[in-house]
Every structure is written in structure tokens, then in C-alpha cells.
Protein backbone atom coordinates (compact mmCIF):
# COMPACT_ATOMS: atom_id res chain seq x y z
CA MET A 1 0.04 0.01 0.06
CA SER A 2 1.48 3.38 -0.95
CA ALA A 3 1.55 6.26 1.30
CA PRO A 4 -0.93 9.13 0.74
CA GLN A 5 1.69 11.62 -0.35
CA ASP A 6 2.71 9.18 -3.26
CA THR A 7 -0.67 8.78 -4.24
CA PHE A 8 -1.30 12.52 -4.30
CA ALA A 9 1.93 12.95 -6.17
CA ILE A 10 1.00 10.74 -9.00
CA LYS A 11 -2.25 12.50 -9.57
CA ALA A 12 -0.48 15.99 -9.22
CA VAL A 13 2.34 15.03 -11.69
CA GLY A 14 -0.31 13.60 -14.28
CA LEU A 15 -2.44 16.85 -14.00
CA GLY A 16 0.51 19.25 -13.83
CA GLN A 17 -1.24 21.12 -11.03
CA VAL A 18 -2.07 20.87 -7.32
CA TRP A 19 -5.19 22.93 -5.71
CA GLY A 20 -5.34 25.09 -2.66
CA LEU A 21 -7.88 27.64 -1.28
CA LYS A 22 -7.02 31.10 -2.10
CA GLY A 23 -8.27 34.30 -0.38
CA ALA A 24 -9.17 37.51 -1.63
CA GLU A 25 -5.72 39.00 -0.69
CA ASP A 26 -3.72 36.29 -2.19
CA ASP A 27 -3.46 34.40 1.05
CA TRP A 28 -4.00 30.59 1.38
CA ALA A 29 -5.88 28.65 3.72
CA VAL A 30 -3.80 26.90 6.29
CA CYS A 31 -4.39 25.02 9.54
CA GLU A 32 -2.53 25.45 12.79
CA PHE A 33 -1.53 22.06 14.46
CA ASN A 34 -0.34 20.98 17.76
CA ASP A 35 -1.35 24.01 19.64
CA GLY A 36 0.61 26.22 17.13
CA GLU A 37 3.49 24.19 16.75
CA PHE A 38 3.11 24.28 13.10
CA ASP A 39 1.03 25.33 10.09
CA ALA A 40 -0.06 23.17 7.39
CA MET A 41 -1.17 24.49 4.07
CA LEU A 42 -4.31 22.73 2.83
CA LEU A 43 -3.73 21.16 -0.41
CA TRP A 44 -5.88 18.87 -2.80
CA SER A 45 -5.00 16.75 -6.09
CA ASP A 46 -8.29 18.18 -7.68
CA GLU A 47 -10.54 20.90 -7.74
CA LYS A 48 -13.47 18.89 -6.41
CA GLY A 49 -11.77 18.28 -3.22
CA ALA A 50 -10.93 21.91 -2.80
CA LYS A 51 -14.38 23.01 -3.66
CA VAL A 52 -16.00 20.74 -1.03
CA CYS A 53 -13.94 22.60 1.71
CA ALA A 54 -14.59 25.97 0.80
CA THR A 55 -17.19 26.30 3.55
CA GLY A 56 -17.37 27.18 7.10
CA GLU A 57 -14.21 28.88 8.13
CA TRP A 58 -12.78 28.64 4.40
CA LYS A 59 -15.85 30.04 2.75
CA VAL A 60 -14.02 33.28 2.09
CA TYR A 61 -11.60 31.28 0.08
CA GLN A 62 -11.99 30.19 -3.43
CA PRO A 63 -10.41 26.90 -5.04
CA ALA A 64 -7.27 27.78 -7.17
CA ALA A 65 -4.96 25.64 -9.23
CA ILE A 66 -1.28 25.99 -8.43
CA ASP A 67 1.11 25.13 -11.55
CA LEU A 68 3.08 22.05 -10.41
CA GLN A 69 6.45 23.23 -11.73
CA ALA A 70 6.08 26.57 -9.72
CA TYR A 71 4.95 24.62 -6.78
CA VAL A 72 7.94 22.30 -6.81
CA GLU A 73 10.65 25.12 -7.64
CA SER A 74 9.31 27.92 -5.49
CA TRP A 75 6.75 27.00 -3.04
CA LEU A 76 8.00 23.86 -1.57
CA PRO A 77 11.58 24.98 -0.87
CA ALA A 78 10.19 28.19 0.93
CA MET A 79 7.78 26.05 3.00
CA ILE A 80 10.71 23.54 3.84
CA GLU A 81 12.66 26.55 4.98
CA ASP A 82 9.66 28.19 7.08
CA GLY A 83 8.75 24.72 8.60
CA ILE A 84 5.22 24.78 7.15
CA HIS A 85 3.65 21.42 6.50
CA VAL A 86 1.02 20.32 4.08
CA ASN A 87 -2.40 18.84 4.84
CA ILE A 88 -3.17 16.66 1.62
CA ASN A 89 -6.71 15.83 0.54
CA PHE A 90 -8.50 17.15 3.75
CA GLY A 91 -12.42 16.80 3.55
CA PRO A 92 -15.64 16.60 5.42
CA LYS A 93 -14.99 12.90 6.02
CA SER A 94 -11.14 12.91 6.12
CA ARG A 95 -8.72 14.69 8.35
CA GLY A 96 -6.42 14.26 5.23
CA SER A 97 -2.67 13.56 5.91
CA VAL A 98 -0.30 16.16 7.36
CA ILE A 99 3.22 15.75 6.16
CA GLU A 100 6.34 17.82 6.01
CA ALA A 101 6.82 19.70 2.85
CA GLY A 102 10.03 17.98 2.18
CA GLN A 103 8.02 14.48 2.16
CA LEU A 104 5.71 15.84 -0.65
CA LEU A 105 8.83 17.23 -2.70
CA ALA A 106 10.29 13.71 -2.42
CA ALA A 107 7.19 12.02 -3.43
CA ILE A 108 6.65 14.36 -6.45
CA GLN A 109 10.22 13.81 -7.62
CA ALA A 110 9.79 10.07 -7.35
CA ALA A 111 6.39 10.17 -9.35
CA ARG A 112 8.44 12.18 -11.93
CA GLY A 113 10.92 9.21 -12.21
CA GLY A 114 13.39 10.94 -9.94
CA ARG A 115 13.68 14.17 -11.93
CA ALA A 116 13.88 17.39 -9.90
CA SER A 117 11.97 19.56 -12.35
């Protein structure tokens, strides 16, 4: 059985994008974990998952695609440096999978056949 980030990465590589919830001021939805120990960016492998979660406290956000190349080259290295995690495929019936940004980067690179870009 593959890890959630591996399944997520395979789908993201196939689509060439990931999805987040973007606010009106170009901010992105994040969750705080372990009483503020770290933040995790909410991330989905498709638009449907992001749309379902754009309710409640996140109703002010809209689903937005993020180009995978830009995410790998720019976003993930900055998130690794800042200690920000990702919560992949969070949903009404799932808490998602909270992982370190470096784990997602490694999974994406593996899904690309080991290529960094």
C-alpha cells in the first residue's frame, strides 16, 4: 500500500497542478496544528476536493490551481525553510494527511521518475 503523499504526487504529476484555497488578498488557507507548533497548507489533488472544503471557516476562500512546476521550484523550498507542512486531501469525511513539505517534494520527484523538475 502506498503512502498518501505518493498517491497524491502521482495524480498531481499527471495533472500538472495541485489545488489550494486562495483568499481575496492572495493568502492561502492553512491550519494550525499541535497548539501552534506548526502550520499546514491545505492542498488537494483536484478541484473537487478543494471546492467541497470552501465552506465554514474557509468560505471566504476560492479553489485555485497552482502550477506544479512553480510549486516544486518555488513554493515547496520556501515551505521547507519556514517549517510549513501540508495537509493533503483534507475533507468533510477525512482529516487528510499532514506531512512535511519535504516529504511531498520527495514524493513528487519520485512520481516524476526522480527528476527534480
